[in-house]
Each structure stands twice: as structure tokens, then as C-alpha cells.
Amino acid sequence: MKNNFDDQEIGQPRLLLQSVTKEFPGCLANDSVDLRIEPGEIHALLGENGAGKSTLVKMIYGILKPDSGTMIWEGNKVQVANPAHARDLGIGMVFQHFSLFEALTVKENIALGMTNPPAMDQLEQQILEVETRYGLPLDPNRAVHSLSVGEKQRIEIVRCLLQDPSLLIMDEPTSVLTPQEAETLFVTLRQLSEEGCSILYISHKLDEVRQLCQSATILRHGCNVGNCIPANETPASMAALMIGEEFEVAQRGEHPEAGPVTLEIRSLSRKSEQSFGIDLHDINLEVHSGELMGIAGVAGNGQAELLELLSGEVLSAADEILIGGESIGHRGSTKRRQQGLCFVPEERLGHGSVPDMSLNDNSLLSGFVSQPFLNKGFIATETVRKFTRQVIDLFDVRCPGQDALAGSLSGGNLQKFIVGREILQQPKVLVVAQPTWGVDAGAAALIHRALLQLAAEGAAVLVVSQDLDELLTISHRIAAICGGSMSESYDINEVSAEDVGLLMTGVSLDKSSTKPGPAQGALQ
């Protein structure tokens, strides 16, 4: 691939990496990688999951140390000792996986991430100013454990912006933002760029890369395979450069004929157990055998509370949730798995997997109810290993093997493992939250195809996602949740993206007149 920048007259870069290499046992994560970022440039770092992007930026930020190679910052050769040193240099980072203390408040977490934080009352005022300026609403005094994934992402962004960085590294910053929130962030990033701040932007959303980034470096299997100008490419051509070949996009097909109702929610109301949670109001929903139902919504509108009730982590009245006509609302997670329900939570580490346990052990924890993993009280080790190997092979999970720790996988590869682990249990009902959060285009297509195939085989699939494009691509029917209330559901061919956007803000659709009206229970 031609390097588009070889013929340009370029001055001193803000950041220059030369032949940076990092190796882990059994994995060459970065192989002599070069990277050049100019002052005020928004530069994309693209690659498949496991291509080495996160390892590279962790070395820039001082979390990891390179085995070899050179880093030049503002014309001076440096070795970044740790993140505090990186922040002193003017390097900030917004993490894909949150580095937050769940028991502390928003402002306490932000203070811990600053080298010299101001007094708490002054910091609170600064947080509110940044939130207002950039459209990132947060309560500085709210405990982090009570926040949605999208709200936790906002903490990371606000924390970085408060430190006035010269280089801002953003790892999948829009993965849990709505299109409107993402566009607000883009305005912020363009403003920072105009003010001279450089931005290193990692994203699998290639349309937004084309909108936002002036240049891109592409990694494949740990190697820098060249540069491109995103505006001169298409999402498909950039994906092909990342993967090294063309890939098959998921095709939803026609809405299947309605099978029997497999998952049913009846008049489900629930007062949130969290101080700042969202109460659910009279939720009614049916998901039929053979269909994929999508639920759209902005983070913090009751998705977390609904998912807890569906998974069995929080119980409800018996007849409020049914599988195959049988009441399960009063039964816990294990009993629901026995009834054929599988679950993919939005948080991969700690909820969807135990980071310090192997992939084999994570398969056992999830599948012992439905799979023949136990024999007269003993673990059938070879059966577990065979199942795990099948997940790794079918879902192209890039890892050293079944014994790899879940926490050692890249975010996208761990997501493929968790989704594959649940699908291969052949559930009657699969509930999935944020199925492709932080996942590259090829892996997202693989997950989408697997979900649609599971539905085609007769399962009822419920996908809760903030990625509206994703839901419009794979759903047979779609609804939206706002303020703890569920909208009416619509056949995907009956609504546009704008229609669903209205539903996400609590506005109902009057199909007879095509005029929107106020949704029952919507936030005023």
C-alpha cells in the first residue's frame, strides 16, 4: 500500500514512533511499528481486534514499556515511565475498558486520574463546566457503581479534557454513545484539533473515521501495513485493508413468519434498587421464535434494570416474565438457563467473564447447566476443552489457546468468545446487550451473522444496543426504551432511523398520520 504522506512537506511531528516492538509470551503484539502524528492532527489507528492497537497506545501512555524502538515527543527522545509521566508530558488517554473505582463518586474518580487535582469543590465546578460545554452530562457526586456503561465512558472523557492534553488518545470513545452524542463529541474533537491538540483515534466505526480523521495508520497482526487518507477511502476498502481480504456483511433477510411467543414480558414495573437508577414502568414485550428483536435507547434509560430482571440477577413477580409460556420471573439465573435462556451482558470483564480465569473455566461457569460438563459431580475436563476449542475456532477468537486468561484477550476477541460461548449452548432465548461494542468490522459481521443464524434456527433473540445502525441492520422488529418506558414495537421495514431516534427520546409514532405524538411515560 502506498504511504500517502511520503511526498508531503511535514515539519516536526508531535509524536514519532520508530520500530517499536512489544512481545508477550506466545504473541508478538507489535512488530517494528512506525507512527507519526502531527500537531493538531486527528489520526486514526485502525486494525482488527488483536492487531496490536491497544498495546501500542498503552506504550505511548506509559502503561507498558516497549522491548525495543524509539519514541520521540515534541522533538525529544523519551521513555515514558508511567501514566503520570505521560500526563506530565501532555498525553491523555480515554480507555476502552474503564479504569474506575466503582465504590467512589464521579469526582473522586476524576481526581484520582489527575496529577495535581484541585480542591473538591473547585473540581466539581470544573467538571460541570466541561459537561456543559461538551454535552456530557454527569452528576459529580454520584457513585460510579450506579452508572451505565455510557455514563462511565463520559467520566473517562471528562477526566482527560480537564487536563488540557497536547495529545489525546481515544480508544473506542463512541462505542456506547448515541449518534447525537457522538456528533457532539466530534464537534469537541474538531475544536481541540483547531486549537492544536493532536488526537490519536481508535475506532471500528469506519464511517466516523472518514468523517473525523485526516489520516490513518493501519495495523495488521502487529505490523504497520501502511497509511491512508480516510476521506479517500470507503468503509469497505478500509475494512479490507485492516483484514487483508474482503469480508461478508450480515444480511437480515425478510421478516420471518411469526412463530410462537418464546419470550414474553407482561406489565413489568420495578422500582430501581439504585439511588440514581431508573424505574421501569409497565413494560410489555413479545419476542417470537425465529426473530431478532432490537431494543434501542440512550444509556441510562432503564436498560440496565431491564437486563437484570431478564437475566435473573434481580427477581420479579412470577408471571411478569415468561419463557415458552412458563413463568420464570421468580426464578434465578441458573433456573432460567435450565429453561433455555442464555445471556450476554454489556460488561465483558467481571460480568461476562472472570478476567483471572481461563477460557476453559469461563466456559464451565456459564455452560455447566445446559452442557454435559459435569459427570457424577466431577468436571468432564475434555468435554469443556472441546467446547471451548469449538468456540475459539468458529468465532475466530485470537488467543494462545483455551488456557489463556479471559483478561488477556483484546476486547473484541473476548466479546467474540462470550457471544460464541452463549450461542453454542443452543438457547431457546438469547438476550444480548451491546453485542459488538468495541469490535472490528469483520468481527461485528461475524457476530451479526451468528445471531441471525441462531434466530433462523428457531431461537428468540433480544438485542439491547445503543448502536442504532447495528439494530437497523440485524433486527426484524425494533422498539425503544426511554425513561423506563418501552415504546410500541415496529417491523423494521416500517420505520426509518429518524423514527427510531424519536422513539429513543420518548416520542411515539402515529403511523396513521405520520405525525409524532407524546409517548406514554416519556420523560418531560
Protein backbone atom coordinates (compact mmCIF):
# COMPACT_ATOMS: atom_id res chain seq x y z
CA MET A 1 0.00 0.00 0.00
CA LYS A 2 1.31 3.46 -0.86
CA ASN A 3 2.17 5.69 2.07
CA ASN A 4 0.16 8.84 1.32
CA PHE A 5 2.44 11.03 3.42
CA ASP A 6 5.84 10.21 1.88
CA ASP A 7 5.71 13.13 -0.57
CA GLN A 8 4.41 15.75 1.85
CA GLU A 9 6.48 18.53 3.36
CA ILE A 10 5.96 17.91 7.07
CA GLY A 11 7.61 19.72 9.97
CA GLN A 12 8.47 18.39 13.39
CA PRO A 13 5.86 15.86 14.49
CA ARG A 14 4.25 15.94 17.90
CA LEU A 15 4.81 12.20 18.30
CA LEU A 16 7.11 9.90 16.35
CA LEU A 17 7.46 6.16 16.95
CA GLN A 18 10.25 4.28 15.21
CA SER A 19 10.44 0.46 15.05
CA VAL A 20 8.54 -0.04 18.31
CA THR A 21 8.30 -3.72 19.26
CA LYS A 22 6.47 -5.45 22.10
CA GLU A 23 6.26 -9.20 22.66
CA PHE A 24 4.27 -11.23 25.18
CA PRO A 25 4.63 -14.98 25.76
CA GLY A 26 3.29 -16.61 22.61
CA CYS A 27 2.33 -13.29 20.99
CA LEU A 28 4.27 -10.64 19.07
CA ALA A 29 1.87 -7.77 19.73
CA ASN A 30 3.80 -5.02 17.91
CA ASP A 31 6.46 -5.74 15.31
CA SER A 32 8.68 -2.74 14.46
CA VAL A 33 5.75 -0.30 14.27
CA ASP A 34 6.26 3.25 12.99
CA LEU A 35 3.78 6.03 13.74
CA ARG A 36 3.83 9.77 13.08
CA ILE A 37 1.31 12.27 14.45
CA GLU A 38 1.40 15.98 13.59
CA PRO A 39 0.31 18.91 15.81
CA GLY A 40 -3.44 19.41 15.53
CA GLU A 41 -3.92 16.22 13.51
CA ILE A 42 -6.74 13.76 14.13
CA HIS A 43 -5.02 10.49 13.28
CA ALA A 44 -6.84 7.15 13.19
CA LEU A 45 -5.23 3.91 14.33
CA LEU A 46 -7.05 1.08 12.57
CA GLY A 47 -6.85 -2.68 12.74
CA GLU A 48 -8.70 -5.85 13.62
CA ASN A 49 -9.17 -6.92 17.22
CA GLY A 50 -5.80 -8.26 18.30
CA ALA A 51 -3.89 -6.26 15.66
CA GLY A 52 -1.87 -4.52 18.38
CA LYS A 53 -3.62 -1.15 18.66
CA SER A 54 -4.24 -1.21 22.41
CA THR A 55 -0.72 -2.47 23.14
CA LEU A 56 0.75 0.38 21.09
CA VAL A 57 -1.22 3.14 22.80
CA LYS A 58 -0.52 1.65 26.24
CA MET A 59 3.19 2.06 25.48
CA ILE A 60 2.64 5.68 24.44
CA TYR A 61 0.75 6.27 27.70
CA GLY A 62 3.37 4.53 29.85
CA ILE A 63 1.29 1.54 30.96
CA LEU A 64 3.60 -0.84 29.08
CA LYS A 65 7.27 -0.50 28.15
CA PRO A 66 8.45 -1.38 24.63
CA ASP A 67 11.02 -4.13 24.20
CA SER A 68 12.77 -2.03 21.56
CA GLY A 69 12.28 1.04 19.40
CA THR A 70 12.25 4.81 19.86
CA MET A 71 9.62 7.32 20.95
CA ILE A 72 10.19 10.98 20.14
CA TRP A 73 7.90 13.54 21.78
CA GLU A 74 7.98 17.17 20.62
CA GLY A 75 11.43 16.55 19.08
CA ASN A 76 12.93 14.89 22.16
CA LYS A 77 13.60 11.20 22.67
CA VAL A 78 11.65 9.98 25.70
CA GLN A 79 10.94 6.84 27.66
CA VAL A 80 7.53 7.19 29.30
CA ALA A 81 7.91 5.75 32.77
CA ASN A 82 4.24 5.59 33.75
CA PRO A 83 0.87 7.26 33.09
CA ALA A 84 1.67 10.12 35.48
CA HIS A 85 4.77 10.86 33.42
CA ALA A 86 2.66 10.70 30.24
CA ARG A 87 0.19 13.21 31.69
CA ASP A 88 3.07 15.50 32.68
CA LEU A 89 4.25 15.40 29.07
CA GLY A 90 0.75 16.33 27.90
CA ILE A 91 -0.57 12.91 26.87
CA GLY A 92 -4.08 11.94 27.96
CA MET A 93 -5.97 8.72 27.29
CA VAL A 94 -9.63 7.71 27.23
CA PHE A 95 -9.74 3.97 27.84
CA GLN A 96 -11.99 1.41 26.16
CA HIS A 97 -12.14 -0.62 29.38
CA PHE A 98 -12.79 1.77 32.23
CA SER A 99 -10.15 2.38 34.90
CA LEU A 100 -12.64 3.40 37.58
CA PHE A 101 -13.24 2.62 41.25
CA GLU A 102 -16.86 1.51 41.49
CA ALA A 103 -17.32 2.50 45.16
CA LEU A 104 -16.16 6.10 44.64
CA THR A 105 -18.03 9.06 43.18
CA VAL A 106 -17.56 10.57 39.74
CA LYS A 107 -15.47 13.47 41.01
CA GLU A 108 -13.37 11.23 43.28
CA ASN A 109 -12.52 9.05 40.28
CA ILE A 110 -11.64 12.08 38.20
CA ALA A 111 -9.41 13.45 40.99
CA LEU A 112 -7.54 10.12 41.21
CA GLY A 113 -6.76 10.34 37.50
CA MET A 114 -5.23 13.82 37.75
CA THR A 115 -1.64 14.53 38.68
CA ASN A 116 -2.46 17.67 40.69
CA PRO A 117 -6.22 17.77 41.32
CA PRO A 118 -7.78 20.95 42.71
CA ALA A 119 -9.90 21.10 45.84
CA MET A 120 -13.07 19.01 45.54
CA ASP A 121 -15.49 21.93 45.37
CA GLN A 122 -13.37 23.57 42.68
CA LEU A 123 -13.06 20.28 40.78
CA GLU A 124 -16.83 19.81 40.90
CA GLN A 125 -17.29 23.21 39.30
CA GLN A 126 -14.74 22.39 36.60
CA ILE A 127 -16.49 19.10 35.87
CA LEU A 128 -19.83 20.83 35.48
CA GLU A 129 -18.28 23.41 33.14
CA VAL A 130 -16.76 20.71 30.92
CA GLU A 131 -20.01 18.72 30.94
CA THR A 132 -21.99 21.77 29.87
CA ARG A 133 -19.51 22.81 27.20
CA TYR A 134 -19.20 19.38 25.61
CA GLY A 135 -22.66 17.92 26.24
CA LEU A 136 -21.51 15.13 28.56
CA PRO A 137 -23.99 15.19 31.47
CA LEU A 138 -22.83 13.62 34.75
CA ASP A 139 -23.61 14.10 38.42
CA PRO A 140 -20.18 14.66 40.07
CA ASN A 141 -21.45 13.23 43.38
CA ARG A 142 -22.98 10.04 42.00
CA ALA A 143 -21.35 6.68 42.83
CA VAL A 144 -19.75 5.02 39.80
CA HIS A 145 -21.28 1.60 40.52
CA SER A 146 -24.72 3.07 39.84
CA LEU A 147 -23.81 4.35 36.36
CA SER A 148 -24.47 2.78 32.98
CA VAL A 149 -21.60 1.87 30.67
CA GLY A 150 -22.23 5.01 28.60
CA GLU A 151 -22.08 7.22 31.68
CA LYS A 152 -18.82 5.58 32.79
CA GLN A 153 -17.37 6.38 29.37
CA ARG A 154 -18.25 10.03 29.93
CA ILE A 155 -16.15 10.06 33.11
CA GLU A 156 -13.09 8.96 31.13
CA ILE A 157 -13.65 11.66 28.52
CA VAL A 158 -14.26 14.45 31.04
CA ARG A 159 -11.23 13.40 33.09
CA CYS A 160 -8.97 13.74 30.04
CA LEU A 161 -10.41 17.05 28.89
CA LEU A 162 -9.83 18.58 32.33
CA GLN A 163 -6.08 18.01 31.91
CA ASP A 164 -5.73 20.10 28.72
CA PRO A 165 -3.67 17.49 26.82
CA SER A 166 -1.43 18.10 23.78
CA LEU A 167 -2.13 14.54 22.58
CA LEU A 168 -5.42 12.88 23.38
CA ILE A 169 -5.62 9.11 22.83
CA MET A 170 -9.19 7.88 22.40
CA ASP A 171 -9.82 4.11 22.41
CA GLU A 172 -13.32 3.43 21.04
CA PRO A 173 -14.81 6.61 22.59
CA THR A 174 -18.16 6.41 20.76
CA SER A 175 -18.82 2.72 21.23
CA VAL A 176 -21.51 3.40 23.84
CA LEU A 177 -22.69 6.81 22.63
CA THR A 178 -25.79 7.58 20.59
CA PRO A 179 -25.29 9.14 17.14
CA GLN A 180 -26.27 12.52 18.60
CA GLU A 181 -23.78 12.17 21.46
CA ALA A 182 -21.09 11.05 19.03
CA GLU A 183 -21.67 14.08 16.82
CA THR A 184 -21.36 16.35 19.87
CA LEU A 185 -18.06 14.66 20.68
CA PHE A 186 -16.86 15.17 17.09
CA VAL A 187 -17.54 18.90 17.42
CA THR A 188 -15.40 18.88 20.56
CA LEU A 189 -12.58 16.95 18.91
CA ARG A 190 -12.55 19.21 15.87
CA GLN A 191 -12.38 22.22 18.17
CA LEU A 192 -9.46 20.67 20.07
CA SER A 193 -7.74 19.93 16.77
CA GLU A 194 -8.15 23.53 15.63
CA GLU A 195 -6.60 24.64 18.92
CA GLY A 196 -3.54 22.49 18.18
CA CYS A 197 -4.27 19.35 20.18
CA SER A 198 -3.33 16.12 18.39
CA ILE A 199 -5.75 13.21 18.64
CA LEU A 200 -4.94 9.53 18.16
CA TYR A 201 -8.31 7.95 17.47
CA ILE A 202 -9.05 4.21 17.65
CA SER A 203 -12.42 3.15 16.33
CA HIS A 204 -14.06 0.29 14.47
CA LYS A 205 -16.78 2.63 13.21
CA LEU A 206 -15.25 3.38 9.84
CA ASP A 207 -17.91 5.89 8.77
CA GLU A 208 -16.97 8.11 11.71
CA VAL A 209 -13.27 7.68 10.89
CA ARG A 210 -14.00 9.02 7.40
CA GLN A 211 -15.90 11.98 8.90
CA LEU A 212 -13.39 12.86 11.56
CA CYS A 213 -9.83 11.77 10.80
CA GLN A 214 -7.37 13.41 8.42
CA SER A 215 -5.05 10.40 8.21
CA ALA A 216 -4.80 6.81 9.38
CA THR A 217 -2.22 4.17 10.23
CA ILE A 218 -3.30 0.57 9.68
CA LEU A 219 -2.04 -2.35 11.78
CA ARG A 220 -2.42 -5.99 10.81
CA HIS A 221 -1.11 -8.85 13.00
CA GLY A 222 1.05 -6.38 14.92
CA CYS A 223 2.68 -4.84 11.85
CA ASN A 224 2.21 -1.42 10.31
CA VAL A 225 0.95 -2.21 6.81
CA GLY A 226 0.72 1.41 5.68
CA ASN A 227 -1.20 4.67 5.87
CA CYS A 228 -4.25 6.07 4.13
CA ILE A 229 -6.36 9.19 3.97
CA PRO A 230 -9.82 8.09 5.23
CA ALA A 231 -11.69 10.66 3.14
CA ASN A 232 -10.29 8.97 0.02
CA GLU A 233 -11.46 5.51 1.13
CA THR A 234 -14.78 3.77 1.72
CA PRO A 235 -15.61 1.85 4.91
CA ALA A 236 -15.38 -1.37 2.88
CA SER A 237 -11.96 -0.52 1.46
CA MET A 238 -10.59 0.41 4.90
CA ALA A 239 -12.00 -2.80 6.38
CA ALA A 240 -10.33 -4.79 3.60
CA LEU A 241 -7.00 -3.06 4.35
CA MET A 242 -7.35 -3.96 8.03
CA ILE A 243 -8.32 -7.57 7.43
CA GLY A 244 -6.28 -8.21 4.31
CA GLU A 245 -9.30 -9.52 2.38
CA GLU A 246 -12.94 -8.81 1.65
CA PHE A 247 -15.49 -9.98 4.24
CA GLU A 248 -19.14 -10.96 4.16
CA VAL A 249 -21.60 -8.46 5.61
CA ALA A 250 -24.55 -9.82 7.60
CA GLN A 251 -27.82 -9.98 5.64
CA ARG A 252 -31.01 -9.84 7.70
CA GLY A 253 -33.37 -11.10 5.01
CA GLU A 254 -37.15 -10.82 5.18
CA HIS A 255 -39.03 -10.82 8.47
CA PRO A 256 -39.84 -14.49 9.10
CA GLU A 257 -43.40 -15.63 9.64
CA ALA A 258 -44.22 -15.23 13.31
CA GLY A 259 -43.55 -18.35 15.33
CA PRO A 260 -44.85 -18.92 18.85
CA VAL A 261 -44.07 -16.31 21.51
CA THR A 262 -40.94 -17.62 23.24
CA LEU A 263 -40.04 -14.66 25.47
CA GLU A 264 -42.80 -12.55 26.97
CA ILE A 265 -42.74 -9.60 29.35
CA ARG A 266 -46.09 -8.69 30.89
CA SER A 267 -46.79 -5.37 32.62
CA LEU A 268 -43.33 -5.34 34.20
CA SER A 269 -42.83 -2.45 36.61
CA ARG A 270 -39.94 -2.18 39.01
CA LYS A 271 -38.56 0.49 41.30
CA SER A 272 -34.81 0.64 40.82
CA GLU A 273 -32.71 -0.52 43.76
CA GLN A 274 -30.05 2.07 42.84
CA SER A 275 -30.21 5.58 44.29
CA PHE A 276 -29.86 7.10 40.83
CA GLY A 277 -31.38 4.23 38.86
CA ILE A 278 -34.34 4.29 36.50
CA ASP A 279 -37.71 2.84 37.50
CA LEU A 280 -39.39 0.61 34.93
CA HIS A 281 -42.99 1.41 34.00
CA ASP A 282 -45.39 -1.20 32.64
CA ILE A 283 -43.02 -2.89 30.18
CA ASN A 284 -44.77 -5.20 27.71
CA LEU A 285 -42.84 -7.10 25.05
CA GLU A 286 -43.09 -10.29 23.00
CA VAL A 287 -40.25 -11.98 21.11
CA HIS A 288 -41.26 -14.80 18.79
CA SER A 289 -39.39 -17.92 17.87
CA GLY A 290 -37.25 -17.25 14.79
CA GLU A 291 -36.99 -13.48 15.09
CA LEU A 292 -34.41 -10.98 16.27
CA MET A 293 -35.93 -8.13 18.29
CA GLY A 294 -33.93 -4.94 18.79
CA ILE A 295 -34.25 -2.52 21.71
CA ALA A 296 -32.75 0.94 21.11
CA GLY A 297 -32.15 3.61 23.73
CA VAL A 298 -29.77 6.17 25.15
CA ALA A 299 -27.65 4.87 28.04
CA GLY A 300 -29.27 5.22 31.45
CA ASN A 301 -32.91 4.90 30.40
CA GLY A 302 -33.65 1.61 32.13
CA GLN A 303 -31.68 -0.86 30.02
CA ALA A 304 -29.55 -1.99 32.99
CA GLU A 305 -32.62 -2.53 35.18
CA LEU A 306 -34.42 -4.45 32.41
CA LEU A 307 -31.41 -6.66 31.71
CA GLU A 308 -31.01 -7.51 35.40
CA LEU A 309 -34.62 -8.66 35.51
CA LEU A 310 -34.31 -10.68 32.31
CA SER A 311 -31.08 -12.41 33.37
CA GLY A 312 -32.43 -13.35 36.79
CA GLU A 313 -29.93 -11.29 38.76
CA VAL A 314 -32.95 -9.40 40.11
CA LEU A 315 -36.26 -11.23 40.57
CA SER A 316 -39.75 -10.06 39.68
CA ALA A 317 -43.25 -11.40 40.09
CA ALA A 318 -43.52 -14.89 38.59
CA ASP A 319 -45.88 -14.06 35.75
CA GLU A 320 -44.13 -10.86 34.62
CA ILE A 321 -41.52 -12.77 32.59
CA LEU A 322 -42.28 -15.99 30.69
CA ILE A 323 -40.28 -18.38 28.51
CA GLY A 324 -42.35 -20.66 26.30
CA GLY A 325 -45.44 -19.72 28.30
CA GLU A 326 -43.88 -20.75 31.63
CA SER A 327 -43.48 -18.13 34.36
CA ILE A 328 -39.83 -17.54 35.31
CA GLY A 329 -39.82 -14.08 36.90
CA HIS A 330 -39.37 -15.57 40.36
CA ARG A 331 -36.50 -17.86 39.32
CA GLY A 332 -32.79 -17.05 39.45
CA SER A 333 -30.20 -17.18 36.68
CA THR A 334 -29.43 -20.90 36.97
CA LYS A 335 -33.09 -21.91 36.76
CA ARG A 336 -33.54 -19.65 33.74
CA ARG A 337 -30.61 -21.29 31.99
CA GLN A 338 -32.30 -24.63 32.63
CA GLN A 339 -35.34 -23.19 30.85
CA GLY A 340 -33.18 -22.32 27.84
CA LEU A 341 -32.23 -18.68 28.41
CA CYS A 342 -28.66 -17.52 27.73
CA PHE A 343 -27.34 -14.04 28.37
CA VAL A 344 -24.53 -11.78 27.07
CA PRO A 345 -24.09 -8.77 29.42
CA GLU A 346 -22.77 -5.42 28.23
CA GLU A 347 -19.73 -5.53 30.53
CA ARG A 348 -17.29 -8.16 29.25
CA LEU A 349 -14.79 -8.13 32.10
CA GLY A 350 -16.18 -9.09 35.51
CA HIS A 351 -19.74 -9.68 34.34
CA GLY A 352 -19.48 -11.64 31.10
CA SER A 353 -16.24 -13.31 32.17
CA VAL A 354 -13.90 -13.71 35.14
CA PRO A 355 -10.69 -11.97 33.97
CA ASP A 356 -8.28 -14.08 36.05
CA MET A 357 -9.77 -17.41 34.98
CA SER A 358 -9.02 -19.34 31.78
CA LEU A 359 -11.35 -19.54 28.82
CA ASN A 360 -12.00 -23.17 29.75
CA ASP A 361 -13.10 -22.18 33.25
CA ASN A 362 -15.27 -19.38 31.88
CA SER A 363 -16.98 -21.89 29.58
CA LEU A 364 -17.62 -24.14 32.56
CA LEU A 365 -19.11 -21.35 34.69
CA SER A 366 -21.61 -20.39 32.00
CA GLY A 367 -22.39 -23.76 30.45
CA PHE A 368 -22.49 -26.35 33.22
CA VAL A 369 -26.28 -26.08 33.41
CA SER A 370 -27.01 -26.84 29.76
CA GLN A 371 -23.88 -28.71 28.63
CA PRO A 372 -22.52 -32.14 29.70
CA PHE A 373 -19.65 -30.55 31.63
CA LEU A 374 -20.32 -32.48 34.85
CA ASN A 375 -20.26 -36.25 35.30
CA LYS A 376 -21.40 -37.57 38.68
CA GLY A 377 -20.14 -34.46 40.41
CA PHE A 378 -16.80 -34.36 38.57
CA ILE A 379 -15.81 -31.91 35.85
CA ALA A 380 -15.61 -33.53 32.41
CA THR A 381 -12.42 -31.64 31.55
CA GLU A 382 -12.05 -32.88 27.99
CA THR A 383 -15.66 -32.03 27.18
CA VAL A 384 -15.14 -28.48 28.47
CA ARG A 385 -11.92 -28.14 26.48
CA LYS A 386 -13.59 -29.42 23.31
CA PHE A 387 -16.44 -26.93 23.73
CA THR A 388 -14.02 -24.05 24.32
CA ARG A 389 -11.94 -25.02 21.28
CA GLN A 390 -15.12 -25.05 19.20
CA VAL A 391 -15.98 -21.51 20.33
CA ILE A 392 -12.44 -20.32 19.54
CA ASP A 393 -12.46 -21.90 16.08
CA LEU A 394 -15.99 -20.99 14.98
CA PHE A 395 -15.79 -17.40 16.21
CA ASP A 396 -12.17 -16.75 15.21
CA VAL A 397 -11.08 -15.86 18.75
CA ARG A 398 -7.43 -14.75 18.51
CA CYS A 399 -5.73 -16.14 21.62
CA PRO A 400 -2.87 -18.51 22.58
CA GLY A 401 -5.36 -21.28 23.41
CA GLN A 402 -8.08 -22.48 25.78
CA ASP A 403 -5.88 -21.91 28.81
CA ALA A 404 -5.45 -18.18 28.11
CA LEU A 405 -6.86 -15.92 30.82
CA ALA A 406 -10.01 -14.09 29.75
CA GLY A 407 -8.46 -10.81 30.86
CA SER A 408 -5.51 -11.29 28.49
CA LEU A 409 -7.68 -11.14 25.35
CA SER A 410 -8.33 -7.94 23.44
CA GLY A 411 -11.80 -6.51 23.96
CA GLY A 412 -13.13 -7.66 20.61
CA ASN A 413 -11.75 -11.18 20.92
CA LEU A 414 -13.21 -11.54 24.40
CA GLN A 415 -16.56 -10.35 23.05
CA LYS A 416 -16.45 -12.95 20.28
CA PHE A 417 -15.68 -15.62 22.87
CA ILE A 418 -18.57 -14.62 25.17
CA VAL A 419 -21.11 -14.37 22.33
CA GLY A 420 -19.92 -17.67 20.85
CA ARG A 421 -19.99 -19.39 24.23
CA GLU A 422 -23.65 -18.47 24.70
CA ILE A 423 -24.75 -19.23 21.13
CA LEU A 424 -23.15 -22.69 21.12
CA GLN A 425 -25.29 -23.62 24.12
CA GLN A 426 -28.20 -23.53 21.62
CA PRO A 427 -30.57 -21.45 23.75
CA LYS A 428 -34.30 -21.07 23.21
CA VAL A 429 -33.89 -17.40 24.16
CA LEU A 430 -30.74 -15.31 23.85
CA VAL A 431 -30.61 -11.85 25.46
CA VAL A 432 -27.63 -9.80 24.26
CA ALA A 433 -26.50 -6.36 25.44
CA GLN A 434 -24.19 -4.32 23.18
CA PRO A 435 -23.14 -7.31 21.04
CA THR A 436 -20.42 -5.52 19.05
CA TRP A 437 -19.19 -2.84 21.44
CA GLY A 438 -15.53 -2.16 20.54
CA VAL A 439 -15.47 -4.90 17.90
CA ASP A 440 -13.87 -4.50 14.45
CA ALA A 441 -15.90 -4.62 11.24
CA GLY A 442 -15.05 -8.21 10.40
CA ALA A 443 -15.79 -9.48 13.90
CA ALA A 444 -19.02 -7.45 14.06
CA ALA A 445 -20.18 -9.03 10.81
CA LEU A 446 -19.34 -12.49 12.21
CA ILE A 447 -21.35 -11.83 15.40
CA HIS A 448 -24.28 -10.42 13.44
CA ARG A 449 -24.36 -13.46 11.15
CA ALA A 450 -24.25 -15.80 14.16
CA LEU A 451 -27.15 -14.00 15.89
CA LEU A 452 -29.24 -14.08 12.72
CA GLN A 453 -28.41 -17.74 12.18
CA LEU A 454 -29.47 -18.56 15.75
CA ALA A 455 -32.80 -16.82 15.11
CA ALA A 456 -33.18 -18.66 11.79
CA GLU A 457 -32.79 -21.93 13.70
CA GLY A 458 -35.80 -21.02 15.85
CA ALA A 459 -34.43 -19.14 18.84
CA ALA A 460 -35.90 -15.86 20.10
CA VAL A 461 -33.09 -13.28 20.11
CA LEU A 462 -33.38 -9.97 22.00
CA VAL A 463 -30.62 -7.43 21.33
CA VAL A 464 -30.32 -4.32 23.50
CA SER A 465 -27.94 -1.85 21.87
CA GLN A 466 -27.12 1.85 21.68
CA ASP A 467 -25.76 1.37 18.15
CA LEU A 468 -28.73 2.32 16.03
CA ASP A 469 -27.02 1.33 12.77
CA GLU A 470 -26.47 -2.14 14.21
CA LEU A 471 -30.12 -2.55 15.19
CA LEU A 472 -31.35 -1.31 11.83
CA THR A 473 -29.06 -3.85 10.14
CA ILE A 474 -29.98 -7.01 12.05
CA SER A 475 -33.41 -6.53 13.67
CA HIS A 476 -36.65 -7.95 12.34
CA ARG A 477 -38.60 -5.77 14.79
CA ILE A 478 -37.47 -2.80 16.85
CA ALA A 479 -38.62 -0.80 19.88
CA ALA A 480 -37.00 1.82 22.09
CA ILE A 481 -36.76 2.39 25.83
CA CYS A 482 -36.87 5.89 27.30
CA GLY A 483 -37.22 6.90 30.94
CA GLY A 484 -38.02 3.31 31.91
CA SER A 485 -40.92 3.03 29.45
CA MET A 486 -40.96 0.83 26.35
CA SER A 487 -42.31 2.10 23.06
CA GLU A 488 -44.53 0.10 20.75
CA SER A 489 -42.53 -2.29 18.56
CA TYR A 490 -42.38 -1.90 14.77
CA ASP A 491 -41.43 -4.08 11.85
CA ILE A 492 -38.01 -2.86 10.75
CA ASN A 493 -39.35 -2.06 7.28
CA GLU A 494 -41.97 0.31 8.74
CA VAL A 495 -39.56 2.78 10.39
CA SER A 496 -36.57 4.92 9.48
CA ALA A 497 -33.54 5.82 11.56
CA GLU A 498 -35.21 9.16 12.28
CA ASP A 499 -38.34 7.41 13.51
CA VAL A 500 -36.34 5.26 15.92
CA GLY A 501 -34.45 8.36 17.05
CA LEU A 502 -37.78 9.90 18.02
CA LEU A 503 -38.75 6.75 19.92
CA MET A 504 -35.43 6.95 21.79
CA THR A 505 -36.36 10.43 23.03
CA GLY A 506 -39.77 9.32 24.31
CA VAL A 507 -41.89 10.35 21.32
CA SER A 508 -44.44 7.90 19.92
CA LEU A 509 -45.15 7.48 16.21
CA ASP A 510 -48.65 8.00 14.85
CA LYS A 511 -48.49 5.75 11.81
CA SER A 512 -51.92 6.75 10.60
CA SER A 513 -50.92 10.40 10.20
CA THR A 514 -47.11 10.01 10.27
CA LYS A 515 -47.09 12.71 12.94
CA PRO A 516 -45.29 12.05 16.23
CA GLY A 517 -47.15 12.32 19.49
CA PRO A 518 -46.09 12.17 23.16
CA ALA A 519 -45.25 8.66 24.34
CA GLN A 520 -46.93 7.37 27.45
CA GLY A 521 -44.50 7.51 30.37
CA ALA A 522 -41.95 9.58 28.45
CA LEU A 523 -39.69 11.98 30.29
CA GLN A 524 -40.99 15.52 30.22
